[in-house]
């Protein structure tokens, strides 16, 4: 289908309503056709930057479930002596507490 060039045609701006040459109307991002004075580009905030995040976890982790993983030797070095004083432990388990809190009503 062929269309006319519209070199003598007049059209109305969708923003201000003034009559302008048809060929001067420009399409905007929101679907309106605007004259050169009313035409505004799309705001840059409509195109957010792509944020690339670092991976923090493995998809299918394979942890070491070895029963001997908690066994070993602790070495303590004295300040003046370079020989270690060792202690062998089995099934090491760390325990601790924070303390107590006392509340009184006055």
PDB file of N, CA and C in Angstrom:
ATOM      1  N   UNK A   1       0.849  -1.162   0.000  1.00  0.00           N
ATOM      2  CA  UNK A   1       0.000   0.000   0.000  1.00  0.00           C
ATOM      3  C   UNK A   1       0.897   1.228   0.000  1.00  0.00           C
ATOM      4  N   UNK A   2       0.578   2.150  -0.815  1.00  0.00           N
ATOM      5  CA  UNK A   2       1.357   3.390  -0.928  1.00  0.00           C
ATOM      6  C   UNK A   2       0.665   4.489  -0.136  1.00  0.00           C
ATOM      7  N   UNK A   3       1.470   5.329   0.485  1.00  0.00           N
ATOM      8  CA  UNK A   3       0.952   6.467   1.254  1.00  0.00           C
ATOM      9  C   UNK A   3       1.411   7.762   0.603  1.00  0.00           C
ATOM     10  N   UNK A   4       0.648   8.811   0.818  1.00  0.00           N
ATOM     11  CA  UNK A   4       1.001  10.130   0.288  1.00  0.00           C
ATOM     12  C   UNK A   4       2.136  10.716   1.106  1.00  0.00           C
ATOM     13  N   UNK A   5       2.944  11.551   0.521  1.00  0.00           N
ATOM     14  CA  UNK A   5       4.089  12.166   1.192  1.00  0.00           C
ATOM     15  C   UNK A   5       3.620  13.159   2.248  1.00  0.00           C
ATOM     16  N   UNK A   6       2.509  13.808   2.047  1.00  0.00           N
ATOM     17  CA  UNK A   6       1.978  14.761   3.019  1.00  0.00           C
ATOM     18  C   UNK A   6       2.780  16.037   3.081  1.00  0.00           C
ATOM     19  N   UNK A   7       3.304  16.473   1.923  1.00  0.00           N
ATOM     20  CA  UNK A   7       4.163  17.653   1.970  1.00  0.00           C
ATOM     21  C   UNK A   7       3.375  18.933   2.213  1.00  0.00           C
ATOM     22  N   UNK A   8       2.088  18.942   1.932  1.00  0.00           N
ATOM     23  CA  UNK A   8       1.260  20.127   2.211  1.00  0.00           C
ATOM     24  C   UNK A   8       0.290  19.875   3.362  1.00  0.00           C
ATOM     25  N   UNK A   9       0.352  18.707   3.964  1.00  0.00           N
ATOM     26  CA  UNK A   9      -0.619  18.336   4.994  1.00  0.00           C
ATOM     27  C   UNK A   9      -0.307  19.025   6.311  1.00  0.00           C
ATOM     28  N   UNK A  10      -1.354  19.279   7.080  1.00  0.00           N
ATOM     29  CA  UNK A  10      -1.233  19.860   8.416  1.00  0.00           C
ATOM     30  C   UNK A  10      -1.706  18.813   9.421  1.00  0.00           C
ATOM     31  N   UNK A  11      -1.143  18.881  10.611  1.00  0.00           N
ATOM     32  CA  UNK A  11      -1.538  17.951  11.669  1.00  0.00           C
ATOM     33  C   UNK A  11      -1.498  18.683  12.995  1.00  0.00           C
ATOM     34  N   UNK A  12      -2.110  18.082  13.998  1.00  0.00           N
ATOM     35  CA  UNK A  12      -2.154  18.705  15.314  1.00  0.00           C
ATOM     36  C   UNK A  12      -1.212  17.955  16.259  1.00  0.00           C
ATOM     37  N   UNK A  13      -0.416  18.696  17.004  1.00  0.00           N
ATOM     38  CA  UNK A  13       0.487  18.118  18.009  1.00  0.00           C
ATOM     39  C   UNK A  13      -0.358  17.533  19.141  1.00  0.00           C
ATOM     40  N   UNK A  14      -0.020  16.303  19.564  1.00  0.00           N
ATOM     41  CA  UNK A  14      -0.774  15.654  20.645  1.00  0.00           C
ATOM     42  C   UNK A  14      -0.484  16.268  22.006  1.00  0.00           C
ATOM     43  N   UNK A  15       0.573  17.026  22.145  1.00  0.00           N
ATOM     44  CA  UNK A  15       0.936  17.604  23.435  1.00  0.00           C
ATOM     45  C   UNK A  15       0.351  19.001  23.594  1.00  0.00           C
ATOM     46  N   UNK A  16       0.695  19.905  22.681  1.00  0.00           N
ATOM     47  CA  UNK A  16       0.254  21.303  22.845  1.00  0.00           C
ATOM     48  C   UNK A  16      -1.020  21.628  22.065  1.00  0.00           C
ATOM     49  N   UNK A  17      -1.350  20.833  21.057  1.00  0.00           N
ATOM     50  CA  UNK A  17      -2.580  21.061  20.297  1.00  0.00           C
ATOM     51  C   UNK A  17      -2.421  22.063  19.175  1.00  0.00           C
ATOM     52  N   UNK A  18      -1.244  22.596  18.919  1.00  0.00           N
ATOM     53  CA  UNK A  18      -1.032  23.543  17.825  1.00  0.00           C
ATOM     54  C   UNK A  18      -0.980  22.805  16.496  1.00  0.00           C
ATOM     55  N   UNK A  19      -1.341  23.527  15.458  1.00  0.00           N
ATOM     56  CA  UNK A  19      -1.294  22.960  14.121  1.00  0.00           C
ATOM     57  C   UNK A  19       0.107  23.168  13.549  1.00  0.00           C
ATOM     58  N   UNK A  20       0.713  22.073  13.087  1.00  0.00           N
ATOM     59  CA  UNK A  20       2.066  22.120  12.518  1.00  0.00           C
ATOM     60  C   UNK A  20       2.068  21.309  11.227  1.00  0.00           C
ATOM     61  N   UNK A  21       3.161  21.368  10.499  1.00  0.00           N
ATOM     62  CA  UNK A  21       3.282  20.544   9.301  1.00  0.00           C
ATOM     63  C   UNK A  21       3.318  19.077   9.708  1.00  0.00           C
ATOM     64  N   UNK A  22       2.647  18.241   8.927  1.00  0.00           N
ATOM     65  CA  UNK A  22       2.574  16.811   9.221  1.00  0.00           C
ATOM     66  C   UNK A  22       3.971  16.186   9.277  1.00  0.00           C
ATOM     67  N   UNK A  23       4.852  16.633   8.404  1.00  0.00           N
ATOM     68  CA  UNK A  23       6.193  16.059   8.345  1.00  0.00           C
ATOM     69  C   UNK A  23       7.057  16.485   9.529  1.00  0.00           C
ATOM     70  N   UNK A  24       6.643  17.517  10.287  1.00  0.00           N
ATOM     71  CA  UNK A  24       7.408  17.964  11.457  1.00  0.00           C
ATOM     72  C   UNK A  24       7.085  17.170  12.720  1.00  0.00           C
ATOM     73  N   UNK A  25       5.974  16.435  12.712  1.00  0.00           N
ATOM     74  CA  UNK A  25       5.616  15.657  13.899  1.00  0.00           C
ATOM     75  C   UNK A  25       6.596  14.496  14.072  1.00  0.00           C
ATOM     76  N   UNK A  26       6.983  14.281  15.311  1.00  0.00           N
ATOM     77  CA  UNK A  26       7.918  13.198  15.631  1.00  0.00           C
ATOM     78  C   UNK A  26       7.260  12.248  16.632  1.00  0.00           C
ATOM     79  N   UNK A  27       7.411  10.952  16.444  1.00  0.00           N
ATOM     80  CA  UNK A  27       6.827  10.007  17.407  1.00  0.00           C
ATOM     81  C   UNK A  27       7.628   9.993  18.712  1.00  0.00           C
ATOM     82  N   UNK A  28       6.909   9.922  19.817  1.00  0.00           N
ATOM     83  CA  UNK A  28       7.543   9.823  21.132  1.00  0.00           C
ATOM     84  C   UNK A  28       7.451   8.391  21.618  1.00  0.00           C
ATOM     85  N   UNK A  29       8.135   8.100  22.727  1.00  0.00           N
ATOM     86  CA  UNK A  29       8.173   6.758  23.307  1.00  0.00           C
ATOM     87  C   UNK A  29       6.818   6.337  23.867  1.00  0.00           C
ATOM     88  N   UNK A  30       5.953   7.283  24.220  1.00  0.00           N
ATOM     89  CA  UNK A  30       4.652   6.957  24.815  1.00  0.00           C
ATOM     90  C   UNK A  30       3.530   6.863  23.784  1.00  0.00           C
ATOM     91  N   UNK A  31       3.869   6.951  22.489  1.00  0.00           N
ATOM     92  CA  UNK A  31       2.874   6.796  21.442  1.00  0.00           C
ATOM     93  C   UNK A  31       2.329   8.109  20.903  1.00  0.00           C
ATOM     94  N   UNK A  32       2.582   9.235  21.547  1.00  0.00           N
ATOM     95  CA  UNK A  32       2.128  10.531  21.051  1.00  0.00           C
ATOM     96  C   UNK A  32       3.011  10.979  19.894  1.00  0.00           C
ATOM     97  N   UNK A  33       2.436  11.810  19.039  1.00  0.00           N
ATOM     98  CA  UNK A  33       3.220  12.468  17.991  1.00  0.00           C
ATOM     99  C   UNK A  33       3.282  13.932  18.371  1.00  0.00           C
ATOM    100  N   UNK A  34       4.492  14.456  18.480  1.00  0.00           N
ATOM    101  CA  UNK A  34       4.682  15.801  19.022  1.00  0.00           C
ATOM    102  C   UNK A  34       5.466  16.680  18.056  1.00  0.00           C
ATOM    103  N   UNK A  35       5.236  17.983  18.154  1.00  0.00           N
ATOM    104  CA  UNK A  35       6.001  18.950  17.373  1.00  0.00           C
ATOM    105  C   UNK A  35       7.419  19.041  17.948  1.00  0.00           C
ATOM    106  N   UNK A  36       8.363  19.628  17.222  1.00  0.00           N
ATOM    107  CA  UNK A  36       9.743  19.687  17.721  1.00  0.00           C
ATOM    108  C   UNK A  36       9.884  20.420  19.067  1.00  0.00           C
ATOM    109  N   UNK A  37       9.022  21.390  19.356  1.00  0.00           N
ATOM    110  CA  UNK A  37       9.104  22.109  20.632  1.00  0.00           C
ATOM    111  C   UNK A  37       8.622  21.265  21.807  1.00  0.00           C
ATOM    112  N   UNK A  38       7.676  20.366  21.581  1.00  0.00           N
ATOM    113  CA  UNK A  38       7.104  19.556  22.657  1.00  0.00           C
ATOM    114  C   UNK A  38       7.761  18.193  22.787  1.00  0.00           C
ATOM    115  N   UNK A  39       8.515  17.767  21.796  1.00  0.00           N
ATOM    116  CA  UNK A  39       9.092  16.416  21.805  1.00  0.00           C
ATOM    117  C   UNK A  39      10.097  16.274  22.934  1.00  0.00           C
ATOM    118  N   UNK A  40       9.985  15.199  23.711  1.00  0.00           N
ATOM    119  CA  UNK A  40      10.925  14.916  24.798  1.00  0.00           C
ATOM    120  C   UNK A  40      11.409  13.479  24.652  1.00  0.00           C
ATOM    121  N   UNK A  41      12.697  13.270  24.862  1.00  0.00           N
ATOM    122  CA  UNK A  41      13.205  11.891  24.800  1.00  0.00           C
ATOM    123  C   UNK A  41      12.800  11.120  26.039  1.00  0.00           C
ATOM    124  N   UNK A  42      12.954   9.819  25.968  1.00  0.00           N
ATOM    125  CA  UNK A  42      12.630   8.974  27.119  1.00  0.00           C
ATOM    126  C   UNK A  42      13.662   9.200  28.218  1.00  0.00           C
ATOM    127  N   UNK A  43      13.195   9.203  29.458  1.00  0.00           N
ATOM    128  CA  UNK A  43      14.073   9.477  30.596  1.00  0.00           C
ATOM    129  C   UNK A  43      15.069   8.340  30.799  1.00  0.00           C
ATOM    130  N   UNK A  44      16.334   8.652  31.133  1.00  0.00           N
ATOM    131  CA  UNK A  44      17.338   7.600  31.316  1.00  0.00           C
ATOM    132  C   UNK A  44      17.017   6.615  32.437  1.00  0.00           C
ATOM    133  N   UNK A  45      16.199   7.026  33.412  1.00  0.00           N
ATOM    134  CA  UNK A  45      15.862   6.103  34.489  1.00  0.00           C
ATOM    135  C   UNK A  45      14.934   4.982  34.024  1.00  0.00           C
ATOM    136  N   UNK A  46      14.372   5.127  32.823  1.00  0.00           N
ATOM    137  CA  UNK A  46      13.555   4.050  32.270  1.00  0.00           C
ATOM    138  C   UNK A  46      14.411   2.903  31.753  1.00  0.00           C
ATOM    139  N   UNK A  47      15.727   3.101  31.717  1.00  0.00           N
ATOM    140  CA  UNK A  47      16.657   2.074  31.248  1.00  0.00           C
ATOM    141  C   UNK A  47      17.653   1.780  32.356  1.00  0.00           C
ATOM    142  N   UNK A  48      17.280   0.989  33.365  1.00  0.00           N
ATOM    143  CA  UNK A  48      18.193   0.744  34.487  1.00  0.00           C
ATOM    144  C   UNK A  48      19.411  -0.046  34.043  1.00  0.00           C
ATOM    145  N   UNK A  49      20.522   0.187  34.728  1.00  0.00           N
ATOM    146  CA  UNK A  49      21.746  -0.539  34.436  1.00  0.00           C
ATOM    147  C   UNK A  49      21.612  -1.976  34.913  1.00  0.00           C
ATOM    148  N   UNK A  50      22.249  -2.868  34.207  1.00  0.00           N
ATOM    149  CA  UNK A  50      22.243  -4.275  34.596  1.00  0.00           C
ATOM    150  C   UNK A  50      23.285  -4.455  35.690  1.00  0.00           C
ATOM    151  N   UNK A  51      22.843  -4.944  36.825  1.00  0.00           N
ATOM    152  CA  UNK A  51      23.730  -5.136  37.959  1.00  0.00           C
ATOM    153  C   UNK A  51      24.185  -6.586  37.975  1.00  0.00           C
ATOM    154  N   UNK A  52      25.488  -6.778  37.937  1.00  0.00           N
ATOM    155  CA  UNK A  52      26.048  -8.120  37.974  1.00  0.00           C
ATOM    156  C   UNK A  52      26.505  -8.392  39.398  1.00  0.00           C
ATOM    157  N   UNK A  53      25.984  -9.449  39.987  1.00  0.00           N
ATOM    158  CA  UNK A  53      26.337  -9.777  41.365  1.00  0.00           C
ATOM    159  C   UNK A  53      27.321 -10.933  41.389  1.00  0.00           C
ATOM    160  N   UNK A  54      28.099 -10.981  42.444  1.00  0.00           N
ATOM    161  CA  UNK A  54      29.037 -12.074  42.619  1.00  0.00           C
ATOM    162  C   UNK A  54      28.304 -13.285  43.183  1.00  0.00           C
ATOM    163  N   UNK A  55      28.687 -14.455  42.704  1.00  0.00           N
ATOM    164  CA  UNK A  55      28.108 -15.686  43.231  1.00  0.00           C
ATOM    165  C   UNK A  55      28.627 -15.909  44.647  1.00  0.00           C
ATOM    166  N   UNK A  56      27.748 -16.290  45.562  1.00  0.00           N
ATOM    167  CA  UNK A  56      28.136 -16.455  46.953  1.00  0.00           C
ATOM    168  C   UNK A  56      28.074 -17.902  47.423  1.00  0.00           C
ATOM    169  N   UNK A  57      27.371 -18.740  46.727  1.00  0.00           N
ATOM    170  CA  UNK A  57      27.225 -20.124  47.171  1.00  0.00           C
ATOM    171  C   UNK A  57      27.301 -21.060  45.979  1.00  0.00           C
ATOM    172  N   UNK A  58      27.661 -22.287  46.252  1.00  0.00           N
ATOM    173  CA  UNK A  58      27.681 -23.307  45.214  1.00  0.00           C
ATOM    174  C   UNK A  58      26.288 -23.875  45.022  1.00  0.00           C
ATOM    175  N   UNK A  59      25.991 -24.302  43.809  1.00  0.00           N
ATOM    176  CA  UNK A  59      24.663 -24.845  43.528  1.00  0.00           C
ATOM    177  C   UNK A  59      24.451 -26.180  44.227  1.00  0.00           C
ATOM    178  N   UNK A  60      25.350 -27.117  44.076  1.00  0.00           N
ATOM    179  CA  UNK A  60      25.243 -28.427  44.717  1.00  0.00           C
ATOM    180  C   UNK A  60      26.529 -28.693  45.496  1.00  0.00           C
ATOM    181  N   UNK A  61      26.635 -28.178  46.706  1.00  0.00           N
ATOM    182  CA  UNK A  61      27.881 -28.338  47.451  1.00  0.00           C
ATOM    183  C   UNK A  61      28.099 -29.790  47.877  1.00  0.00           C
ATOM    184  N   UNK A  62      29.341 -30.162  47.975  1.00  0.00           N
ATOM    185  CA  UNK A  62      29.705 -31.507  48.426  1.00  0.00           C
ATOM    186  C   UNK A  62      30.613 -31.339  49.635  1.00  0.00           C
ATOM    187  N   UNK A  63      30.042 -31.132  50.833  1.00  0.00           N
ATOM    188  CA  UNK A  63      30.872 -30.917  52.015  1.00  0.00           C
ATOM    189  C   UNK A  63      31.599 -32.193  52.424  1.00  0.00           C
ATOM    190  N   UNK A  64      32.693 -32.026  53.141  1.00  0.00           N
ATOM    191  CA  UNK A  64      33.459 -33.156  53.636  1.00  0.00           C
ATOM    192  C   UNK A  64      32.774 -33.682  54.889  1.00  0.00           C
ATOM    193  N   UNK A  65      32.184 -34.862  54.803  1.00  0.00           N
ATOM    194  CA  UNK A  65      31.474 -35.468  55.934  1.00  0.00           C
ATOM    195  C   UNK A  65      32.327 -36.517  56.623  1.00  0.00           C
ATOM    196  N   UNK A  66      33.633 -36.375  56.536  1.00  0.00           N
ATOM    197  CA  UNK A  66      34.558 -37.334  57.132  1.00  0.00           C
ATOM    198  C   UNK A  66      34.449 -37.260  58.654  1.00  0.00           C
ATOM    199  N   UNK A  67      34.324 -38.422  59.316  1.00  0.00           N
ATOM    200  CA  UNK A  67      34.186 -38.452  60.766  1.00  0.00           C
ATOM    201  C   UNK A  67      35.480 -38.059  61.470  1.00  0.00           C
ATOM    202  N   UNK A  68      36.604 -38.213  60.781  1.00  0.00           N
ATOM    203  CA  UNK A  68      37.879 -37.870  61.394  1.00  0.00           C
ATOM    204  C   UNK A  68      38.233 -36.401  61.204  1.00  0.00           C
ATOM    205  N   UNK A  69      37.340 -35.614  60.633  1.00  0.00           N
ATOM    206  CA  UNK A  69      37.648 -34.210  60.374  1.00  0.00           C
ATOM    207  C   UNK A  69      37.792 -33.421  61.665  1.00  0.00           C
ATOM    208  N   UNK A  70      37.148 -33.839  62.763  1.00  0.00           N
ATOM    209  CA  UNK A  70      37.233 -33.107  64.023  1.00  0.00           C
ATOM    210  C   UNK A  70      38.361 -33.571  64.913  1.00  0.00           C
ATOM    211  N   UNK A  71      39.191 -34.487  64.450  1.00  0.00           N
ATOM    212  CA  UNK A  71      40.279 -35.009  65.263  1.00  0.00           C
ATOM    213  C   UNK A  71      41.592 -34.347  64.861  1.00  0.00           C
ATOM    214  N   UNK A  72      42.497 -34.174  65.810  1.00  0.00           N
ATOM    215  CA  UNK A  72      43.785 -33.575  65.491  1.00  0.00           C
ATOM    216  C   UNK A  72      44.579 -33.282  66.741  1.00  0.00           C
ATOM    217  N   UNK A  73      45.571 -32.440  66.593  1.00  0.00           N
ATOM    218  CA  UNK A  73      46.438 -32.082  67.710  1.00  0.00           C
ATOM    219  C   UNK A  73      46.515 -30.578  67.813  1.00  0.00           C
ATOM    220  N   UNK A  74      46.437 -30.061  69.033  1.00  0.00           N
ATOM    221  CA  UNK A  74      46.601 -28.636  69.288  1.00  0.00           C
ATOM    222  C   UNK A  74      48.016 -28.415  69.794  1.00  0.00           C
ATOM    223  N   UNK A  75      48.701 -27.481  69.195  1.00  0.00           N
ATOM    224  CA  UNK A  75      50.062 -27.162  69.605  1.00  0.00           C
ATOM    225  C   UNK A  75      50.079 -25.795  70.263  1.00  0.00           C
ATOM    226  N   UNK A  76      50.743 -25.724  71.417  1.00  0.00           N
ATOM    227  CA  UNK A  76      50.909 -24.465  72.137  1.00  0.00           C
ATOM    228  C   UNK A  76      52.405 -24.226  72.268  1.00  0.00           C
ATOM    229  N   UNK A  77      52.860 -23.086  71.808  1.00  0.00           N
ATOM    230  CA  UNK A  77      54.281 -22.754  71.886  1.00  0.00           C
ATOM    231  C   UNK A  77      54.507 -21.816  73.057  1.00  0.00           C
ATOM    232  N   UNK A  78      55.510 -22.125  73.846  1.00  0.00           N
ATOM    233  CA  UNK A  78      55.887 -21.250  74.951  1.00  0.00           C
ATOM    234  C   UNK A  78      56.645 -20.059  74.381  1.00  0.00           C
ATOM    235  N   UNK A  79      56.705 -18.967  75.140  1.00  0.00           N
ATOM    236  CA  UNK A  79      57.348 -17.746  74.662  1.00  0.00           C
ATOM    237  C   UNK A  79      58.842 -17.949  74.439  1.00  0.00           C
ATOM    238  N   UNK A  80      59.514 -18.675  75.319  1.00  0.00           N
ATOM    239  CA  UNK A  80      60.964 -18.838  75.222  1.00  0.00           C
ATOM    240  C   UNK A  80      61.369 -20.167  74.609  1.00  0.00           C
ATOM    241  N   UNK A  81      60.424 -21.058  74.392  1.00  0.00           N
ATOM    242  CA  UNK A  81      60.736 -22.406  73.935  1.00  0.00           C
ATOM    243  C   UNK A  81      60.096 -22.635  72.566  1.00  0.00           C
ATOM    244  N   UNK A  82      60.840 -23.221  71.626  1.00  0.00           N
ATOM    245  CA  UNK A  82      60.338 -23.462  70.286  1.00  0.00           C
ATOM    246  C   UNK A  82      59.712 -24.835  70.155  1.00  0.00           C
ATOM    247  N   UNK A  83      59.770 -25.654  71.187  1.00  0.00           N
ATOM    248  CA  UNK A  83      59.171 -26.991  71.094  1.00  0.00           C
ATOM    249  C   UNK A  83      57.701 -26.912  71.467  1.00  0.00           C
ATOM    250  N   UNK A  84      56.839 -27.569  70.692  1.00  0.00           N
ATOM    251  CA  UNK A  84      55.411 -27.492  70.997  1.00  0.00           C
ATOM    252  C   UNK A  84      55.021 -28.421  72.126  1.00  0.00           C
ATOM    253  N   UNK A  85      54.057 -27.979  72.890  1.00  0.00           N
ATOM    254  CA  UNK A  85      53.431 -28.823  73.905  1.00  0.00           C
ATOM    255  C   UNK A  85      52.089 -29.203  73.304  1.00  0.00           C
ATOM    256  N   UNK A  86      51.952 -30.465  72.906  1.00  0.00           N
ATOM    257  CA  UNK A  86      50.766 -30.868  72.163  1.00  0.00           C
ATOM    258  C   UNK A  86      49.767 -31.612  73.009  1.00  0.00           C
ATOM    259  N   UNK A  87      48.539 -31.612  72.560  1.00  0.00           N
ATOM    260  CA  UNK A  87      47.463 -32.344  73.208  1.00  0.00           C
ATOM    261  C   UNK A  87      46.598 -32.932  72.106  1.00  0.00           C
ATOM    262  N   UNK A  88      46.447 -34.230  72.129  1.00  0.00           N
ATOM    263  CA  UNK A  88      45.633 -34.890  71.113  1.00  0.00           C
ATOM    264  C   UNK A  88      44.180 -34.930  71.594  1.00  0.00           C
ATOM    265  N   UNK A  89      43.279 -34.635  70.706  1.00  0.00           N
ATOM    266  CA  UNK A  89      41.864 -34.644  71.059  1.00  0.00           C
ATOM    267  C   UNK A  89      41.108 -35.446  70.017  1.00  0.00           C
ATOM    268  N   UNK A  90      39.957 -35.947  70.426  1.00  0.00           N
ATOM    269  CA  UNK A  90      39.096 -36.704  69.530  1.00  0.00           C
ATOM    270  C   UNK A  90      37.677 -36.178  69.674  1.00  0.00           C
ATOM    271  N   UNK A  91      37.009 -35.980  68.558  1.00  0.00           N
ATOM    272  CA  UNK A  91      35.620 -35.502  68.603  1.00  0.00           C
ATOM    273  C   UNK A  91      35.516 -34.150  69.267  1.00  0.00           C
ATOM    274  N   UNK A  92      36.300 -33.206  68.822  1.00  0.00           N
ATOM    275  CA  UNK A  92      36.339 -31.867  69.411  1.00  0.00           C
ATOM    276  C   UNK A  92      34.976 -31.207  69.302  1.00  0.00           C
ATOM    277  N   UNK A  93      34.519 -30.613  70.410  1.00  0.00           N
ATOM    278  CA  UNK A  93      33.236 -29.928  70.445  1.00  0.00           C
ATOM    279  C   UNK A  93      33.428 -28.626  71.201  1.00  0.00           C
ATOM    280  N   UNK A  94      33.088 -27.523  70.573  1.00  0.00           N
ATOM    281  CA  UNK A  94      33.238 -26.214  71.205  1.00  0.00           C
ATOM    282  C   UNK A  94      31.935 -25.833  71.897  1.00  0.00           C
ATOM    283  N   UNK A  95      32.038 -25.414  73.146  1.00  0.00           N
ATOM    284  CA  UNK A  95      30.877 -24.959  73.902  1.00  0.00           C
ATOM    285  C   UNK A  95      31.236 -23.634  74.548  1.00  0.00           C
ATOM    286  N   UNK A  96      30.208 -22.818  74.789  1.00  0.00           N
ATOM    287  CA  UNK A  96      30.457 -21.539  75.443  1.00  0.00           C
ATOM    288  C   UNK A  96      29.174 -20.923  75.947  1.00  0.00           C
ATOM    289  N   UNK A  97      29.309 -19.872  76.716  1.00  0.00           N
ATOM    290  CA  UNK A  97      28.141 -19.153  77.211  1.00  0.00           C
ATOM    291  C   UNK A  97      28.490 -17.686  77.291  1.00  0.00           C
ATOM    292  N   UNK A  98      27.468 -16.869  77.368  1.00  0.00           N
ATOM    293  CA  UNK A  98      27.664 -15.435  77.366  1.00  0.00           C
ATOM    294  C   UNK A  98      27.554 -14.855  78.762  1.00  0.00           C
ATOM    295  N   UNK A  99      26.774 -15.409  79.626  1.00  0.00           N
ATOM    296  CA  UNK A  99      26.628 -14.882  80.972  1.00  0.00           C
ATOM    297  C   UNK A  99      25.171 -14.867  81.384  1.00  0.00           C
ATOM    298  N   UNK A 100      24.874 -14.101  82.418  1.00  0.00           N
ATOM    299  CA  UNK A 100      23.500 -14.029  82.912  1.00  0.00           C
ATOM    300  C   UNK A 100      23.040 -12.583  82.929  1.00  0.00           C
ATOM    301  N   UNK A 101      21.736 -12.433  82.923  1.00  0.00           N
ATOM    302  CA  UNK A 101      21.129 -11.104  82.991  1.00  0.00           C
ATOM    303  C   UNK A 101      20.139 -11.119  84.138  1.00  0.00           C
ATOM    304  N   UNK A 102      20.230 -10.115  85.005  1.00  0.00           N
ATOM    305  CA  UNK A 102      19.321 -10.024  86.138  1.00  0.00           C
ATOM    306  C   UNK A 102      18.447  -8.792  85.941  1.00  0.00           C
ATOM    307  N   UNK A 103      17.141  -8.991  86.036  1.00  0.00           N
ATOM    308  CA  UNK A 103      16.186  -7.896  85.894  1.00  0.00           C
ATOM    309  C   UNK A 103      15.473  -7.711  87.224  1.00  0.00           C
ATOM    310  N   UNK A 104      15.480  -6.480  87.714  1.00  0.00           N
ATOM    311  CA  UNK A 104      14.786  -6.198  88.975  1.00  0.00           C
ATOM    312  C   UNK A 104      13.767  -5.089  88.751  1.00  0.00           C
ATOM    313  N   UNK A 105      12.690  -5.185  89.451  1.00  0.00           N
ATOM    314  CA  UNK A 105      11.626  -4.186  89.328  1.00  0.00           C
ATOM    315  C   UNK A 105      11.722  -3.258  90.541  1.00  0.00           C
ATOM    316  N   UNK A 106      11.779  -1.964  90.281  1.00  0.00           N
ATOM    317  CA  UNK A 106      11.871  -1.028  91.411  1.00  0.00           C
ATOM    318  C   UNK A 106      10.652  -0.125  91.467  1.00  0.00           C
TER     319      UNK A 106
END
